[in-house]
């Protein structure tokens, strides 16, 4: 997928422009089989300033972090009902390296809640995609219908800084097919979570 993007022409958007463009397009993701929202997450650590549950986890307050995630259930139930009412689905591929990072342990709890509310999330491990990466890691990708593909850009510490927008329909279709195929062969988040995440001690404890 990286080679496809390198051969294409995209427009770099700084953070505010990226968020505005993304929000403007999101609810028009379309209802056909070839539409919807598709996301591929490859990095194992991000920073989420402003997200209270992540900030609590980052401070080592694991119980508070989990409680704050649980408090978001009503929000996500409404959010995914709205997505369904607009006629599309939200599909995510989450690449996992083991042992999971403290960030990923937190995120998988959040993604589990989202899955329970309507998100379609599949877990793949690095070995599952090694032949596709060919020595170059997948970028972070979000696809909205047939209108836009974003390569999401982060700084070295994992903080969101913007994105590169691509609008070529053939490129979008080719990248969506790659992500859909990976998603189809992935493991449902709930089953992975029960085996590998549910029994983990708090990240701060693991890190000692």
C-alpha atoms as a PDB file:
ATOM      1  CA  UNK A   1       0.000   0.000   0.000  1.00  0.00           C
ATOM      2  CA  UNK A   2       2.872   2.356   0.711  1.00  0.00           C
ATOM      3  CA  UNK A   3       4.039   2.001  -2.896  1.00  0.00           C
ATOM      4  CA  UNK A   4       0.559   2.903  -4.180  1.00  0.00           C
ATOM      5  CA  UNK A   5       0.604   6.130  -2.167  1.00  0.00           C
ATOM      6  CA  UNK A   6       4.135   7.003  -3.232  1.00  0.00           C
ATOM      7  CA  UNK A   7       3.045   6.822  -6.865  1.00  0.00           C
ATOM      8  CA  UNK A   8      -0.046   8.984  -6.275  1.00  0.00           C
ATOM      9  CA  UNK A   9      -0.551  12.707  -5.837  1.00  0.00           C
ATOM     10  CA  UNK A  10      -1.945  13.836  -2.514  1.00  0.00           C
ATOM     11  CA  UNK A  11      -2.481  17.123  -0.703  1.00  0.00           C
ATOM     12  CA  UNK A  12      -0.890  17.665   2.698  1.00  0.00           C
ATOM     13  CA  UNK A  13      -3.348  19.108   5.228  1.00  0.00           C
ATOM     14  CA  UNK A  14      -2.238  20.581   8.522  1.00  0.00           C
ATOM     15  CA  UNK A  15      -4.139  19.518  11.616  1.00  0.00           C
ATOM     16  CA  UNK A  16      -7.064  21.964  11.592  1.00  0.00           C
ATOM     17  CA  UNK A  17      -7.590  21.620   7.832  1.00  0.00           C
ATOM     18  CA  UNK A  18      -7.416  17.825   8.084  1.00  0.00           C
ATOM     19  CA  UNK A  19      -9.983  17.652  10.880  1.00  0.00           C
ATOM     20  CA  UNK A  20     -12.324  20.057   9.087  1.00  0.00           C
ATOM     21  CA  UNK A  21     -12.094  18.171   5.792  1.00  0.00           C
ATOM     22  CA  UNK A  22     -12.561  14.813   7.490  1.00  0.00           C
ATOM     23  CA  UNK A  23     -15.640  15.980   9.409  1.00  0.00           C
ATOM     24  CA  UNK A  24     -17.156  17.534   6.283  1.00  0.00           C
ATOM     25  CA  UNK A  25     -16.915  14.261   4.338  1.00  0.00           C
ATOM     26  CA  UNK A  26     -17.552  11.657   7.034  1.00  0.00           C
ATOM     27  CA  UNK A  27     -21.357  11.548   7.017  1.00  0.00           C
ATOM     28  CA  UNK A  28     -21.425  11.153   3.233  1.00  0.00           C
ATOM     29  CA  UNK A  29     -19.524   7.863   3.249  1.00  0.00           C
ATOM     30  CA  UNK A  30     -22.239   6.210   1.133  1.00  0.00           C
ATOM     31  CA  UNK A  31     -24.262   3.037   1.513  1.00  0.00           C
ATOM     32  CA  UNK A  32     -22.989   0.719  -1.235  1.00  0.00           C
ATOM     33  CA  UNK A  33     -20.833  -2.354  -0.597  1.00  0.00           C
ATOM     34  CA  UNK A  34     -17.853  -0.406  -1.888  1.00  0.00           C
ATOM     35  CA  UNK A  35     -18.455   2.518   0.440  1.00  0.00           C
ATOM     36  CA  UNK A  36     -18.474   3.067   4.171  1.00  0.00           C
ATOM     37  CA  UNK A  37     -15.611   4.025   6.442  1.00  0.00           C
ATOM     38  CA  UNK A  38     -12.474   1.900   6.589  1.00  0.00           C
ATOM     39  CA  UNK A  39      -9.528   2.444   8.902  1.00  0.00           C
ATOM     40  CA  UNK A  40      -6.179   0.694   9.280  1.00  0.00           C
ATOM     41  CA  UNK A  41      -4.146   1.313  12.430  1.00  0.00           C
ATOM     42  CA  UNK A  42      -0.542   0.119  12.389  1.00  0.00           C
ATOM     43  CA  UNK A  43       1.404   2.099  15.009  1.00  0.00           C
ATOM     44  CA  UNK A  44       1.551   0.561  18.456  1.00  0.00           C
ATOM     45  CA  UNK A  45       1.609   3.790  20.461  1.00  0.00           C
ATOM     46  CA  UNK A  46      -0.071   7.151  20.082  1.00  0.00           C
ATOM     47  CA  UNK A  47      -0.674  10.134  22.310  1.00  0.00           C
ATOM     48  CA  UNK A  48      -4.263  11.305  22.787  1.00  0.00           C
ATOM     49  CA  UNK A  49      -4.092  14.679  24.574  1.00  0.00           C
ATOM     50  CA  UNK A  50      -7.551  15.853  25.542  1.00  0.00           C
ATOM     51  CA  UNK A  51      -8.962  12.306  25.802  1.00  0.00           C
ATOM     52  CA  UNK A  52      -9.649  11.953  29.504  1.00  0.00           C
ATOM     53  CA  UNK A  53      -9.456   8.163  29.716  1.00  0.00           C
ATOM     54  CA  UNK A  54      -6.123   8.083  27.871  1.00  0.00           C
ATOM     55  CA  UNK A  55      -4.751  10.875  30.046  1.00  0.00           C
ATOM     56  CA  UNK A  56      -5.734   8.905  33.160  1.00  0.00           C
ATOM     57  CA  UNK A  57      -4.027   5.799  31.797  1.00  0.00           C
ATOM     58  CA  UNK A  58      -0.938   7.831  30.913  1.00  0.00           C
ATOM     59  CA  UNK A  59      -0.802   9.072  34.511  1.00  0.00           C
ATOM     60  CA  UNK A  60      -0.986   5.473  35.761  1.00  0.00           C
ATOM     61  CA  UNK A  61      -4.597   5.769  36.971  1.00  0.00           C
ATOM     62  CA  UNK A  62      -5.804   2.573  35.310  1.00  0.00           C
ATOM     63  CA  UNK A  63      -9.031   2.145  37.268  1.00  0.00           C
ATOM     64  CA  UNK A  64     -10.039   5.705  36.451  1.00  0.00           C
ATOM     65  CA  UNK A  65      -9.178   5.157  32.792  1.00  0.00           C
ATOM     66  CA  UNK A  66     -11.435   2.099  32.563  1.00  0.00           C
ATOM     67  CA  UNK A  67     -14.251   3.872  34.407  1.00  0.00           C
ATOM     68  CA  UNK A  68     -14.062   6.815  32.007  1.00  0.00           C
ATOM     69  CA  UNK A  69     -14.229   4.427  29.030  1.00  0.00           C
ATOM     70  CA  UNK A  70     -17.320   2.758  30.496  1.00  0.00           C
ATOM     71  CA  UNK A  71     -18.978   6.147  30.927  1.00  0.00           C
ATOM     72  CA  UNK A  72     -18.810   6.662  27.148  1.00  0.00           C
ATOM     73  CA  UNK A  73     -21.201   3.806  26.323  1.00  0.00           C
ATOM     74  CA  UNK A  74     -24.263   6.022  25.871  1.00  0.00           C
ATOM     75  CA  UNK A  75     -22.275   8.361  23.627  1.00  0.00           C
ATOM     76  CA  UNK A  76     -21.083   5.554  21.366  1.00  0.00           C
ATOM     77  CA  UNK A  77     -24.473   3.880  21.232  1.00  0.00           C
ATOM     78  CA  UNK A  78     -25.927   7.137  19.902  1.00  0.00           C
ATOM     79  CA  UNK A  79     -22.961   7.651  17.558  1.00  0.00           C
ATOM     80  CA  UNK A  80     -23.205   4.245  15.923  1.00  0.00           C
ATOM     81  CA  UNK A  81     -26.993   4.489  15.629  1.00  0.00           C
ATOM     82  CA  UNK A  82     -26.443   7.718  13.712  1.00  0.00           C
ATOM     83  CA  UNK A  83     -23.920   5.989  11.461  1.00  0.00           C
ATOM     84  CA  UNK A  84     -26.386   3.180  10.801  1.00  0.00           C
ATOM     85  CA  UNK A  85     -29.129   5.718  10.065  1.00  0.00           C
ATOM     86  CA  UNK A  86     -26.829   7.224   7.425  1.00  0.00           C
ATOM     87  CA  UNK A  87     -26.586   3.808   5.781  1.00  0.00           C
ATOM     88  CA  UNK A  88     -22.920   2.926   6.229  1.00  0.00           C
ATOM     89  CA  UNK A  89     -20.650   1.021   8.582  1.00  0.00           C
ATOM     90  CA  UNK A  90     -17.406   1.777  10.365  1.00  0.00           C
ATOM     91  CA  UNK A  91     -14.780  -0.928   9.795  1.00  0.00           C
ATOM     92  CA  UNK A  92     -11.371  -1.038  11.461  1.00  0.00           C
ATOM     93  CA  UNK A  93      -8.254  -3.188  11.128  1.00  0.00           C
ATOM     94  CA  UNK A  94      -6.050  -3.019  14.212  1.00  0.00           C
ATOM     95  CA  UNK A  95      -2.545  -4.441  13.786  1.00  0.00           C
ATOM     96  CA  UNK A  96      -1.202  -5.792  17.073  1.00  0.00           C
ATOM     97  CA  UNK A  97       2.361  -6.562  18.101  1.00  0.00           C
ATOM     98  CA  UNK A  98       2.834  -8.606  21.250  1.00  0.00           C
ATOM     99  CA  UNK A  99       3.418  -7.974  24.032  1.00  0.00           C
ATOM    100  CA  UNK A 100       0.935  -5.138  23.633  1.00  0.00           C
ATOM    101  CA  UNK A 101       2.121  -1.652  24.516  1.00  0.00           C
ATOM    102  CA  UNK A 102       0.508   0.260  27.400  1.00  0.00           C
ATOM    103  CA  UNK A 103      -1.196   2.483  24.831  1.00  0.00           C
ATOM    104  CA  UNK A 104      -2.591  -0.453  22.926  1.00  0.00           C
ATOM    105  CA  UNK A 105      -3.847  -2.095  26.098  1.00  0.00           C
ATOM    106  CA  UNK A 106      -5.832   1.064  26.787  1.00  0.00           C
ATOM    107  CA  UNK A 107      -7.027   1.391  23.192  1.00  0.00           C
ATOM    108  CA  UNK A 108      -8.228  -2.212  22.984  1.00  0.00           C
ATOM    109  CA  UNK A 109     -10.505  -1.583  25.973  1.00  0.00           C
ATOM    110  CA  UNK A 110     -11.920   1.446  24.157  1.00  0.00           C
ATOM    111  CA  UNK A 111     -12.253  -0.421  20.847  1.00  0.00           C
ATOM    112  CA  UNK A 112     -14.042  -3.249  22.628  1.00  0.00           C
ATOM    113  CA  UNK A 113     -16.660  -0.769  23.833  1.00  0.00           C
ATOM    114  CA  UNK A 114     -16.985   0.623  20.306  1.00  0.00           C
ATOM    115  CA  UNK A 115     -17.404  -2.881  18.925  1.00  0.00           C
ATOM    116  CA  UNK A 116     -20.168  -3.588  21.418  1.00  0.00           C
ATOM    117  CA  UNK A 117     -21.891  -0.415  20.202  1.00  0.00           C
ATOM    118  CA  UNK A 118     -21.608  -1.183  16.490  1.00  0.00           C
ATOM    119  CA  UNK A 119     -18.073  -0.859  15.126  1.00  0.00           C
ATOM    120  CA  UNK A 120     -16.740  -3.728  13.015  1.00  0.00           C
ATOM    121  CA  UNK A 121     -13.179  -4.284  14.275  1.00  0.00           C
ATOM    122  CA  UNK A 122     -10.760  -7.064  13.378  1.00  0.00           C
ATOM    123  CA  UNK A 123      -7.372  -7.789  14.919  1.00  0.00           C
ATOM    124  CA  UNK A 124      -4.408  -8.903  12.842  1.00  0.00           C
ATOM    125  CA  UNK A 125      -0.942  -9.704  14.090  1.00  0.00           C
ATOM    126  CA  UNK A 126       2.280  -8.660  12.406  1.00  0.00           C
ATOM    127  CA  UNK A 127       2.965 -12.122  10.996  1.00  0.00           C
ATOM    128  CA  UNK A 128      -0.409 -11.990   9.249  1.00  0.00           C
ATOM    129  CA  UNK A 129       0.641  -9.007   7.143  1.00  0.00           C
ATOM    130  CA  UNK A 130       4.398  -9.511   6.825  1.00  0.00           C
ATOM    131  CA  UNK A 131       4.168 -10.544   3.168  1.00  0.00           C
ATOM    132  CA  UNK A 132       2.141  -7.398   2.397  1.00  0.00           C
ATOM    133  CA  UNK A 133       4.430  -4.967   4.176  1.00  0.00           C
ATOM    134  CA  UNK A 134       7.591  -6.208   2.425  1.00  0.00           C
ATOM    135  CA  UNK A 135       9.906  -4.407   4.832  1.00  0.00           C
ATOM    136  CA  UNK A 136       7.924  -1.155   4.817  1.00  0.00           C
ATOM    137  CA  UNK A 137       5.254  -0.696   7.455  1.00  0.00           C
ATOM    138  CA  UNK A 138       1.731   0.132   6.439  1.00  0.00           C
ATOM    139  CA  UNK A 139       0.786   3.783   6.863  1.00  0.00           C
ATOM    140  CA  UNK A 140      -2.108   4.845   9.067  1.00  0.00           C
ATOM    141  CA  UNK A 141      -5.078   5.015   6.692  1.00  0.00           C
ATOM    142  CA  UNK A 142      -8.688   6.211   6.801  1.00  0.00           C
ATOM    143  CA  UNK A 143     -11.008   5.910   3.800  1.00  0.00           C
ATOM    144  CA  UNK A 144     -14.341   7.714   3.531  1.00  0.00           C
ATOM    145  CA  UNK A 145     -16.530   6.188   0.838  1.00  0.00           C
ATOM    146  CA  UNK A 146     -15.115   6.888  -2.596  1.00  0.00           C
ATOM    147  CA  UNK A 147     -14.405  10.552  -1.939  1.00  0.00           C
ATOM    148  CA  UNK A 148     -11.220  10.564   0.111  1.00  0.00           C
ATOM    149  CA  UNK A 149      -8.368   8.505   1.458  1.00  0.00           C
ATOM    150  CA  UNK A 150      -6.245  10.027   4.209  1.00  0.00           C
ATOM    151  CA  UNK A 151      -2.779   8.994   5.196  1.00  0.00           C
ATOM    152  CA  UNK A 152      -2.900  10.131   8.814  1.00  0.00           C
ATOM    153  CA  UNK A 153       0.293  11.841   9.959  1.00  0.00           C
ATOM    154  CA  UNK A 154       1.741  11.800  13.481  1.00  0.00           C
ATOM    155  CA  UNK A 155       4.883  13.247  14.967  1.00  0.00           C
ATOM    156  CA  UNK A 156       7.625  11.007  16.361  1.00  0.00           C
ATOM    157  CA  UNK A 157       5.872  10.853  19.714  1.00  0.00           C
ATOM    158  CA  UNK A 158       2.579   9.707  18.229  1.00  0.00           C
ATOM    159  CA  UNK A 159       0.588  12.946  18.377  1.00  0.00           C
ATOM    160  CA  UNK A 160      -1.706  13.689  15.437  1.00  0.00           C
ATOM    161  CA  UNK A 161      -0.385  16.488  13.215  1.00  0.00           C
ATOM    162  CA  UNK A 162      -2.544  16.264  10.063  1.00  0.00           C
ATOM    163  CA  UNK A 163      -2.991  14.117   7.008  1.00  0.00           C
ATOM    164  CA  UNK A 164      -2.400  13.686   3.313  1.00  0.00           C
ATOM    165  CA  UNK A 165      -5.627  13.585   1.296  1.00  0.00           C
ATOM    166  CA  UNK A 166      -5.964  11.527  -1.864  1.00  0.00           C
ATOM    167  CA  UNK A 167      -9.068  11.695  -4.040  1.00  0.00           C
ATOM    168  CA  UNK A 168      -8.202   9.442  -6.984  1.00  0.00           C
ATOM    169  CA  UNK A 169     -11.029   6.884  -7.110  1.00  0.00           C
ATOM    170  CA  UNK A 170      -8.861   4.082  -8.475  1.00  0.00           C
ATOM    171  CA  UNK A 171      -6.318   4.554  -5.703  1.00  0.00           C
ATOM    172  CA  UNK A 172      -9.092   4.627  -3.097  1.00  0.00           C
ATOM    173  CA  UNK A 173     -10.597   1.433  -4.514  1.00  0.00           C
ATOM    174  CA  UNK A 174      -7.247  -0.382  -4.594  1.00  0.00           C
ATOM    175  CA  UNK A 175      -6.358   0.574  -1.011  1.00  0.00           C
ATOM    176  CA  UNK A 176      -9.854  -0.232   0.251  1.00  0.00           C
ATOM    177  CA  UNK A 177      -9.579  -3.706  -1.280  1.00  0.00           C
ATOM    178  CA  UNK A 178      -6.293  -4.323   0.551  1.00  0.00           C
ATOM    179  CA  UNK A 179      -7.802  -3.248   3.864  1.00  0.00           C
ATOM    180  CA  UNK A 180     -11.003  -5.222   3.278  1.00  0.00           C
ATOM    181  CA  UNK A 181      -9.040  -8.376   2.509  1.00  0.00           C
ATOM    182  CA  UNK A 182      -6.965  -7.982   5.679  1.00  0.00           C
ATOM    183  CA  UNK A 183     -10.125  -7.270   7.650  1.00  0.00           C
ATOM    184  CA  UNK A 184     -11.857 -10.343   6.237  1.00  0.00           C
ATOM    185  CA  UNK A 185      -9.015 -12.567   7.439  1.00  0.00           C
ATOM    186  CA  UNK A 186      -8.654 -10.913  10.827  1.00  0.00           C
ATOM    187  CA  UNK A 187      -9.886 -12.060  14.209  1.00  0.00           C
ATOM    188  CA  UNK A 188     -12.873 -10.483  15.885  1.00  0.00           C
ATOM    189  CA  UNK A 189     -11.779  -8.110  18.604  1.00  0.00           C
ATOM    190  CA  UNK A 190     -13.893  -9.752  21.302  1.00  0.00           C
ATOM    191  CA  UNK A 191     -12.268 -13.161  20.917  1.00  0.00           C
ATOM    192  CA  UNK A 192      -8.773 -11.676  20.808  1.00  0.00           C
ATOM    193  CA  UNK A 193      -9.534  -9.480  23.810  1.00  0.00           C
ATOM    194  CA  UNK A 194     -10.674 -12.405  25.948  1.00  0.00           C
ATOM    195  CA  UNK A 195      -7.530 -14.411  25.220  1.00  0.00           C
ATOM    196  CA  UNK A 196      -4.834 -11.746  25.273  1.00  0.00           C
ATOM    197  CA  UNK A 197      -6.034  -8.574  26.996  1.00  0.00           C
ATOM    198  CA  UNK A 198      -8.702  -9.221  29.637  1.00  0.00           C
ATOM    199  CA  UNK A 199      -6.306 -10.808  32.155  1.00  0.00           C
ATOM    200  CA  UNK A 200      -3.434  -8.346  31.727  1.00  0.00           C
ATOM    201  CA  UNK A 201      -2.404  -6.388  34.833  1.00  0.00           C
ATOM    202  CA  UNK A 202      -2.588  -2.590  34.635  1.00  0.00           C
ATOM    203  CA  UNK A 203       0.014  -1.130  32.264  1.00  0.00           C
ATOM    204  CA  UNK A 204       1.835   0.695  35.052  1.00  0.00           C
ATOM    205  CA  UNK A 205       2.264  -2.604  36.873  1.00  0.00           C
ATOM    206  CA  UNK A 206       3.452  -4.375  33.724  1.00  0.00           C
ATOM    207  CA  UNK A 207       5.989  -1.634  33.118  1.00  0.00           C
ATOM    208  CA  UNK A 208       7.769  -2.058  36.468  1.00  0.00           C
END
